[in-house]
Amino acid sequence: MSIHERSKEVDGKGFGDFEMDLIVDPAQHAILTIVEKSTNMLFMQKLPFGKLSKPLAKVVRKLLLPYKDSLKTITTDNGPEFAVHKDITKYLGVPVYFADPYCSWQKGTVENTNKLIRQYIPKKDSFDNYTEKRIMSIQKKLNERPTEN
């Protein structure tokens, strides 16, 4: 669904509104990033299959299943890696909304978080150099950093 169909109440003040994106390395390996807007809680998962949509949807379901009862929305871009968004909606019972092309500010929370991640994983680096343990360490550091209230 278009982001323009999303409720205006998705302001990040209540728990349950998520944004997701991918960061990619020069070889097109991918790391999925999901951020809950009100808490800035970050989930990161290295994707061994790159940007393939069906396996990516399974990872999203696995990461967000513990929050199924609290999920309100997921917002992402309209890249082909998110083509099976209906599987996510069906499994988790949450609508997936798509930002307009070239309007990354419409999912600004995850975009800003990706910039923070790039302090630990520079764009030029291959994700082959990052173990799952190292990625979880980066996630933990970012989740424990102080935030503005």
N, C-alpha and C. Protein backbone atom coordinates (compact mmCIF):
# COMPACT_ATOMS: atom_id res chain seq x y z
N MET A 1 0.84 -1.18 0.00
CA MET A 1 0.00 0.00 0.00
C MET A 1 0.89 1.24 0.00
N SER A 2 0.38 2.28 -0.59
CA SER A 2 1.11 3.55 -0.62
C SER A 2 1.16 4.16 0.78
N ILE A 3 2.24 4.85 1.05
CA ILE A 3 2.38 5.53 2.34
C ILE A 3 1.25 6.54 2.54
N HIS A 4 0.64 7.00 1.46
CA HIS A 4 -0.45 7.98 1.56
C HIS A 4 -1.74 7.35 2.09
N GLU A 5 -1.79 6.03 2.13
CA GLU A 5 -2.94 5.33 2.71
C GLU A 5 -2.74 5.05 4.19
N ARG A 6 -1.53 5.31 4.68
CA ARG A 6 -1.20 5.05 6.08
C ARG A 6 -1.85 6.10 6.97
N SER A 7 -2.31 5.67 8.13
CA SER A 7 -2.94 6.57 9.09
C SER A 7 -2.00 7.70 9.48
N LYS A 8 -2.55 8.87 9.66
CA LYS A 8 -1.76 10.03 10.09
C LYS A 8 -1.26 9.84 11.52
N GLU A 9 -1.81 8.87 12.24
CA GLU A 9 -1.41 8.63 13.62
C GLU A 9 -0.07 7.92 13.73
N VAL A 10 0.52 7.55 12.61
CA VAL A 10 1.84 6.91 12.62
C VAL A 10 2.87 8.01 12.82
N ASP A 11 3.00 8.41 14.06
CA ASP A 11 3.90 9.53 14.38
C ASP A 11 5.06 9.10 15.25
N GLY A 12 5.13 7.82 15.55
CA GLY A 12 6.24 7.34 16.36
C GLY A 12 6.05 7.53 17.85
N LYS A 13 4.87 7.94 18.28
CA LYS A 13 4.66 8.16 19.71
C LYS A 13 4.20 6.91 20.44
N GLY A 14 3.59 5.99 19.70
CA GLY A 14 3.15 4.74 20.31
C GLY A 14 3.92 3.57 19.73
N PHE A 15 4.13 2.54 20.53
CA PHE A 15 4.90 1.38 20.08
C PHE A 15 4.14 0.62 18.99
N GLY A 16 4.87 0.16 17.99
CA GLY A 16 4.29 -0.72 17.00
C GLY A 16 4.44 -0.29 15.56
N ASP A 17 4.98 0.89 15.32
CA ASP A 17 5.22 1.35 13.96
C ASP A 17 6.69 1.12 13.61
N PHE A 18 6.92 0.28 12.61
CA PHE A 18 8.27 -0.12 12.23
C PHE A 18 8.62 0.39 10.84
N GLU A 19 9.90 0.62 10.63
CA GLU A 19 10.42 0.94 9.30
C GLU A 19 11.52 -0.07 8.99
N MET A 20 11.63 -0.47 7.73
CA MET A 20 12.68 -1.42 7.37
C MET A 20 13.35 -1.03 6.07
N ASP A 21 14.59 -1.49 5.94
CA ASP A 21 15.40 -1.16 4.78
C ASP A 21 16.52 -2.18 4.68
N LEU A 22 17.32 -2.07 3.65
CA LEU A 22 18.53 -2.88 3.51
C LEU A 22 19.72 -1.95 3.40
N ILE A 23 20.85 -2.39 3.94
CA ILE A 23 22.12 -1.78 3.58
C ILE A 23 22.86 -2.84 2.77
N VAL A 24 23.60 -2.39 1.77
CA VAL A 24 24.29 -3.33 0.89
C VAL A 24 25.76 -2.97 0.79
N ASP A 25 26.56 -3.98 0.51
CA ASP A 25 28.00 -3.76 0.32
C ASP A 25 28.29 -3.69 -1.19
N PRO A 26 29.54 -3.44 -1.56
CA PRO A 26 29.86 -3.33 -2.99
C PRO A 26 29.51 -4.57 -3.81
N ALA A 27 29.49 -5.75 -3.20
CA ALA A 27 29.16 -6.99 -3.91
C ALA A 27 27.66 -7.30 -3.85
N GLN A 28 26.85 -6.37 -3.35
CA GLN A 28 25.40 -6.51 -3.23
C GLN A 28 24.96 -7.53 -2.18
N HIS A 29 25.84 -7.85 -1.22
CA HIS A 29 25.40 -8.60 -0.04
C HIS A 29 24.56 -7.63 0.78
N ALA A 30 23.63 -8.14 1.58
CA ALA A 30 22.69 -7.26 2.26
C ALA A 30 22.58 -7.56 3.75
N ILE A 31 22.26 -6.50 4.50
CA ILE A 31 21.88 -6.60 5.90
C ILE A 31 20.52 -5.92 6.02
N LEU A 32 19.55 -6.65 6.55
CA LEU A 32 18.22 -6.11 6.80
C LEU A 32 18.27 -5.27 8.07
N THR A 33 17.68 -4.08 8.02
CA THR A 33 17.57 -3.24 9.22
C THR A 33 16.09 -2.92 9.43
N ILE A 34 15.64 -3.11 10.66
CA ILE A 34 14.26 -2.79 11.05
C ILE A 34 14.35 -1.96 12.32
N VAL A 35 13.60 -0.85 12.35
CA VAL A 35 13.62 0.04 13.52
C VAL A 35 12.19 0.32 13.95
N GLU A 36 11.93 0.21 15.24
CA GLU A 36 10.64 0.60 15.81
C GLU A 36 10.73 2.09 16.10
N LYS A 37 9.76 2.87 15.60
CA LYS A 37 9.88 4.32 15.60
C LYS A 37 9.86 4.98 16.98
N SER A 38 9.05 4.51 17.90
CA SER A 38 8.93 5.21 19.19
C SER A 38 10.11 4.95 20.12
N THR A 39 10.75 3.80 19.96
CA THR A 39 11.85 3.43 20.86
C THR A 39 13.21 3.44 20.18
N ASN A 40 13.22 3.52 18.85
CA ASN A 40 14.44 3.39 18.04
C ASN A 40 15.10 2.02 18.22
N MET A 41 14.33 1.03 18.66
CA MET A 41 14.85 -0.32 18.81
C MET A 41 15.20 -0.87 17.43
N LEU A 42 16.45 -1.32 17.31
CA LEU A 42 16.99 -1.77 16.03
C LEU A 42 17.12 -3.29 15.99
N PHE A 43 16.75 -3.85 14.85
CA PHE A 43 17.00 -5.26 14.55
C PHE A 43 17.86 -5.28 13.29
N MET A 44 18.93 -6.07 13.32
CA MET A 44 19.80 -6.23 12.15
C MET A 44 19.96 -7.72 11.88
N GLN A 45 19.95 -8.08 10.61
CA GLN A 45 20.14 -9.48 10.24
C GLN A 45 20.88 -9.54 8.91
N LYS A 46 22.02 -10.19 8.93
CA LYS A 46 22.77 -10.42 7.69
C LYS A 46 21.98 -11.41 6.85
N LEU A 47 21.85 -11.11 5.57
CA LEU A 47 21.07 -11.95 4.67
C LEU A 47 22.00 -12.73 3.75
N PRO A 48 22.20 -14.01 4.02
CA PRO A 48 23.14 -14.80 3.22
C PRO A 48 22.69 -14.98 1.77
N PHE A 49 21.43 -14.71 1.50
CA PHE A 49 20.86 -14.88 0.17
C PHE A 49 20.74 -13.54 -0.56
N GLY A 50 21.35 -12.50 -0.03
CA GLY A 50 21.30 -11.19 -0.67
C GLY A 50 19.93 -10.55 -0.59
N LYS A 51 19.47 -10.02 -1.70
CA LYS A 51 18.24 -9.24 -1.73
C LYS A 51 17.03 -10.01 -2.24
N LEU A 52 17.06 -11.34 -2.16
CA LEU A 52 15.93 -12.15 -2.62
C LEU A 52 14.73 -11.94 -1.70
N SER A 53 13.57 -11.69 -2.30
CA SER A 53 12.41 -11.27 -1.51
C SER A 53 11.79 -12.36 -0.64
N LYS A 54 11.66 -13.58 -1.13
CA LYS A 54 11.00 -14.62 -0.32
C LYS A 54 11.78 -14.95 0.95
N PRO A 55 13.09 -15.20 0.87
CA PRO A 55 13.83 -15.45 2.12
C PRO A 55 13.86 -14.22 3.03
N LEU A 56 13.89 -13.03 2.44
CA LEU A 56 13.88 -11.81 3.25
C LEU A 56 12.58 -11.72 4.05
N ALA A 57 11.45 -12.04 3.42
CA ALA A 57 10.17 -12.00 4.12
C ALA A 57 10.16 -12.96 5.31
N LYS A 58 10.80 -14.12 5.17
CA LYS A 58 10.88 -15.07 6.29
C LYS A 58 11.68 -14.49 7.45
N VAL A 59 12.75 -13.77 7.13
CA VAL A 59 13.56 -13.14 8.19
C VAL A 59 12.75 -12.06 8.90
N VAL A 60 12.02 -11.25 8.14
CA VAL A 60 11.17 -10.21 8.75
C VAL A 60 10.16 -10.85 9.69
N ARG A 61 9.52 -11.91 9.24
CA ARG A 61 8.53 -12.59 10.09
C ARG A 61 9.18 -13.12 11.36
N LYS A 62 10.36 -13.71 11.23
CA LYS A 62 11.05 -14.26 12.41
C LYS A 62 11.41 -13.15 13.40
N LEU A 63 11.93 -12.04 12.90
CA LEU A 63 12.36 -10.96 13.79
C LEU A 63 11.18 -10.27 14.48
N LEU A 64 10.06 -10.12 13.78
CA LEU A 64 8.94 -9.36 14.33
C LEU A 64 7.86 -10.22 14.98
N LEU A 65 7.93 -11.53 14.83
CA LEU A 65 6.91 -12.40 15.43
C LEU A 65 6.72 -12.18 16.93
N PRO A 66 7.79 -11.98 17.72
CA PRO A 66 7.58 -11.74 19.15
C PRO A 66 6.76 -10.47 19.45
N TYR A 67 6.63 -9.59 18.47
CA TYR A 67 5.92 -8.32 18.66
C TYR A 67 4.59 -8.31 17.90
N LYS A 68 4.16 -9.47 17.43
CA LYS A 68 2.98 -9.56 16.57
C LYS A 68 1.77 -8.85 17.15
N ASP A 69 1.53 -8.99 18.43
CA ASP A 69 0.35 -8.38 19.04
C ASP A 69 0.44 -6.87 19.15
N SER A 70 1.65 -6.33 19.01
CA SER A 70 1.85 -4.88 19.12
C SER A 70 2.06 -4.19 17.78
N LEU A 71 2.23 -4.97 16.72
CA LEU A 71 2.52 -4.39 15.41
C LEU A 71 1.35 -3.57 14.90
N LYS A 72 1.66 -2.37 14.41
CA LYS A 72 0.65 -1.51 13.79
C LYS A 72 0.93 -1.33 12.31
N THR A 73 2.16 -0.95 11.97
CA THR A 73 2.53 -0.71 10.58
C THR A 73 3.99 -1.07 10.34
N ILE A 74 4.30 -1.37 9.08
CA ILE A 74 5.68 -1.47 8.61
C ILE A 74 5.76 -0.57 7.38
N THR A 75 6.77 0.29 7.35
CA THR A 75 6.99 1.16 6.20
C THR A 75 8.35 0.85 5.62
N THR A 76 8.41 0.77 4.30
CA THR A 76 9.67 0.47 3.61
C THR A 76 9.67 1.17 2.26
N ASP A 77 10.72 0.92 1.47
CA ASP A 77 10.71 1.46 0.11
C ASP A 77 10.12 0.41 -0.82
N ASN A 78 9.98 0.76 -2.08
CA ASN A 78 9.32 -0.17 -3.00
C ASN A 78 10.31 -0.96 -3.85
N GLY A 79 11.45 -1.28 -3.26
CA GLY A 79 12.44 -2.11 -3.96
C GLY A 79 11.92 -3.52 -4.19
N PRO A 80 12.47 -4.20 -5.19
CA PRO A 80 11.99 -5.56 -5.50
C PRO A 80 12.21 -6.56 -4.36
N GLU A 81 13.14 -6.26 -3.45
CA GLU A 81 13.38 -7.16 -2.33
C GLU A 81 12.18 -7.23 -1.38
N PHE A 82 11.28 -6.25 -1.47
CA PHE A 82 10.09 -6.24 -0.61
C PHE A 82 8.83 -6.64 -1.39
N ALA A 83 9.01 -7.32 -2.51
CA ALA A 83 7.89 -7.69 -3.39
C ALA A 83 6.89 -8.64 -2.73
N VAL A 84 7.33 -9.44 -1.78
CA VAL A 84 6.41 -10.39 -1.15
C VAL A 84 5.86 -9.84 0.17
N HIS A 85 5.61 -8.55 0.18
CA HIS A 85 5.07 -7.88 1.37
C HIS A 85 3.75 -8.49 1.81
N LYS A 86 2.99 -9.05 0.88
CA LYS A 86 1.71 -9.66 1.26
C LYS A 86 1.92 -10.87 2.17
N ASP A 87 3.02 -11.58 2.00
CA ASP A 87 3.35 -12.70 2.90
C ASP A 87 3.57 -12.18 4.32
N ILE A 88 4.25 -11.05 4.43
CA ILE A 88 4.50 -10.44 5.75
C ILE A 88 3.18 -10.03 6.38
N THR A 89 2.33 -9.36 5.59
CA THR A 89 1.02 -8.93 6.08
C THR A 89 0.19 -10.12 6.53
N LYS A 90 0.16 -11.16 5.72
CA LYS A 90 -0.65 -12.34 6.05
C LYS A 90 -0.15 -13.01 7.33
N TYR A 91 1.15 -13.17 7.46
CA TYR A 91 1.72 -13.90 8.59
C TYR A 91 1.67 -13.09 9.89
N LEU A 92 1.95 -11.79 9.80
CA LEU A 92 2.03 -10.96 11.01
C LEU A 92 0.77 -10.13 11.25
N GLY A 93 -0.11 -10.06 10.27
CA GLY A 93 -1.34 -9.29 10.44
C GLY A 93 -1.11 -7.79 10.51
N VAL A 94 -0.11 -7.31 9.79
CA VAL A 94 0.24 -5.89 9.83
C VAL A 94 0.37 -5.37 8.39
N PRO A 95 -0.19 -4.19 8.12
CA PRO A 95 -0.04 -3.65 6.77
C PRO A 95 1.39 -3.17 6.50
N VAL A 96 1.84 -3.36 5.26
CA VAL A 96 3.14 -2.87 4.83
C VAL A 96 2.89 -1.70 3.87
N TYR A 97 3.50 -0.57 4.19
CA TYR A 97 3.34 0.64 3.38
C TYR A 97 4.65 0.96 2.67
N PHE A 98 4.53 1.56 1.49
CA PHE A 98 5.70 1.89 0.69
C PHE A 98 5.86 3.39 0.56
N ALA A 99 7.07 3.85 0.87
CA ALA A 99 7.41 5.26 0.68
C ALA A 99 7.43 5.55 -0.82
N ASP A 100 7.23 6.81 -1.16
CA ASP A 100 7.32 7.22 -2.55
C ASP A 100 8.77 7.10 -3.03
N PRO A 101 8.96 6.82 -4.33
CA PRO A 101 10.33 6.76 -4.87
C PRO A 101 11.08 8.07 -4.60
N TYR A 102 12.33 7.96 -4.24
CA TYR A 102 13.23 9.09 -3.98
C TYR A 102 12.76 9.97 -2.82
N CYS A 103 11.98 9.41 -1.91
CA CYS A 103 11.50 10.16 -0.73
C CYS A 103 11.91 9.41 0.53
N SER A 104 13.21 9.22 0.70
CA SER A 104 13.70 8.44 1.84
C SER A 104 13.30 9.06 3.17
N TRP A 105 13.02 10.36 3.18
CA TRP A 105 12.60 11.02 4.42
C TRP A 105 11.28 10.45 4.94
N GLN A 106 10.51 9.78 4.08
CA GLN A 106 9.24 9.20 4.51
C GLN A 106 9.46 7.98 5.41
N LYS A 107 10.67 7.49 5.45
CA LYS A 107 11.06 6.44 6.40
C LYS A 107 12.37 6.87 7.04
N GLY A 108 12.32 8.06 7.60
CA GLY A 108 13.51 8.72 8.12
C GLY A 108 14.16 8.03 9.30
N THR A 109 13.39 7.34 10.12
CA THR A 109 13.97 6.68 11.30
C THR A 109 14.96 5.62 10.88
N VAL A 110 14.58 4.75 9.95
CA VAL A 110 15.49 3.69 9.52
C VAL A 110 16.64 4.26 8.69
N GLU A 111 16.38 5.31 7.91
CA GLU A 111 17.46 5.92 7.12
C GLU A 111 18.52 6.52 8.04
N ASN A 112 18.09 7.22 9.08
CA ASN A 112 19.04 7.80 10.04
C ASN A 112 19.80 6.70 10.78
N THR A 113 19.11 5.63 11.13
CA THR A 113 19.77 4.51 11.80
C THR A 113 20.80 3.86 10.88
N ASN A 114 20.48 3.74 9.60
CA ASN A 114 21.45 3.18 8.66
C ASN A 114 22.72 4.03 8.59
N LYS A 115 22.58 5.34 8.72
CA LYS A 115 23.76 6.22 8.75
C LYS A 115 24.61 5.92 9.99
N LEU A 116 23.96 5.67 11.12
CA LEU A 116 24.69 5.31 12.33
C LEU A 116 25.40 3.96 12.15
N ILE A 117 24.73 3.02 11.53
CA ILE A 117 25.34 1.71 11.28
C ILE A 117 26.59 1.86 10.42
N ARG A 118 26.55 2.79 9.47
CA ARG A 118 27.69 2.99 8.57
C ARG A 118 28.91 3.54 9.30
N GLN A 119 28.75 4.01 10.53
CA GLN A 119 29.92 4.38 11.34
C GLN A 119 30.70 3.13 11.74
N TYR A 120 30.00 2.01 11.82
CA TYR A 120 30.62 0.74 12.19
C TYR A 120 30.92 -0.14 10.97
N ILE A 121 30.12 0.02 9.94
CA ILE A 121 30.27 -0.78 8.71
C ILE A 121 30.34 0.19 7.53
N PRO A 122 31.51 0.68 7.19
CA PRO A 122 31.63 1.64 6.08
C PRO A 122 31.13 1.04 4.75
N LYS A 123 30.65 1.91 3.87
CA LYS A 123 30.08 1.47 2.60
C LYS A 123 31.05 0.63 1.77
N LYS A 124 32.32 0.92 1.86
CA LYS A 124 33.31 0.21 1.04
C LYS A 124 33.62 -1.19 1.56
N ASP A 125 33.25 -1.49 2.80
CA ASP A 125 33.57 -2.79 3.41
C ASP A 125 32.67 -3.90 2.88
N SER A 126 33.27 -5.07 2.72
CA SER A 126 32.50 -6.26 2.37
C SER A 126 31.86 -6.82 3.64
N PHE A 127 30.61 -7.24 3.52
CA PHE A 127 29.94 -7.84 4.67
C PHE A 127 30.53 -9.20 5.02
N ASP A 128 31.33 -9.76 4.13
CA ASP A 128 32.02 -11.01 4.44
C ASP A 128 32.92 -10.85 5.65
N ASN A 129 33.35 -9.63 5.93
CA ASN A 129 34.22 -9.34 7.07
C ASN A 129 33.45 -9.21 8.38
N TYR A 130 32.13 -9.34 8.33
CA TYR A 130 31.30 -9.12 9.52
C TYR A 130 30.55 -10.40 9.87
N THR A 131 30.93 -10.99 10.99
CA THR A 131 30.24 -12.18 11.47
C THR A 131 28.89 -11.78 12.06
N GLU A 132 28.03 -12.76 12.25
CA GLU A 132 26.74 -12.50 12.89
C GLU A 132 26.95 -11.93 14.29
N LYS A 133 27.97 -12.44 14.99
CA LYS A 133 28.28 -11.96 16.34
C LYS A 133 28.67 -10.47 16.30
N ARG A 134 29.46 -10.10 15.32
CA ARG A 134 29.88 -8.69 15.20
C ARG A 134 28.68 -7.79 14.86
N ILE A 135 27.81 -8.26 13.99
CA ILE A 135 26.62 -7.49 13.64
C ILE A 135 25.72 -7.33 14.86
N MET A 136 25.57 -8.38 15.66
CA MET A 136 24.75 -8.29 16.88
C MET A 136 25.39 -7.33 17.88
N SER A 137 26.70 -7.26 17.91
CA SER A 137 27.40 -6.32 18.78
C SER A 137 27.11 -4.88 18.36
N ILE A 138 27.10 -4.63 17.07
CA ILE A 138 26.76 -3.29 16.56
C ILE A 138 25.32 -2.96 16.91
N GLN A 139 24.42 -3.91 16.71
CA GLN A 139 23.01 -3.71 17.05
C GLN A 139 22.88 -3.35 18.53
N LYS A 140 23.57 -4.09 19.38
CA LYS A 140 23.51 -3.85 20.83
C LYS A 140 24.01 -2.45 21.17
N LYS A 141 25.15 -2.05 20.59
CA LYS A 141 25.69 -0.71 20.85
C LYS A 141 24.69 0.37 20.47
N LEU A 142 24.07 0.22 19.31
CA LEU A 142 23.12 1.24 18.86
C LEU A 142 21.85 1.23 19.70
N ASN A 143 21.41 0.05 20.13
CA ASN A 143 20.21 -0.02 20.97
C ASN A 143 20.45 0.52 22.38
N GLU A 144 21.70 0.53 22.82
CA GLU A 144 22.00 1.00 24.17
C GLU A 144 22.45 2.46 24.21
N ARG A 145 22.55 3.10 23.07
CA ARG A 145 23.00 4.50 23.08
C ARG A 145 21.88 5.39 23.61
N PRO A 146 22.27 6.46 24.30
CA PRO A 146 21.25 7.38 24.81
C PRO A 146 20.50 8.06 23.66
N THR A 147 19.23 8.29 23.87
CA THR A 147 18.43 8.98 22.86
C THR A 147 17.81 10.23 23.47
N GLU A 148 17.44 11.15 22.59
CA GLU A 148 16.78 12.37 23.05
C GLU A 148 15.34 12.05 23.42
N ASN A 149 14.86 12.66 24.47
CA ASN A 149 13.45 12.47 24.87
C ASN A 149 12.66 13.71 24.63
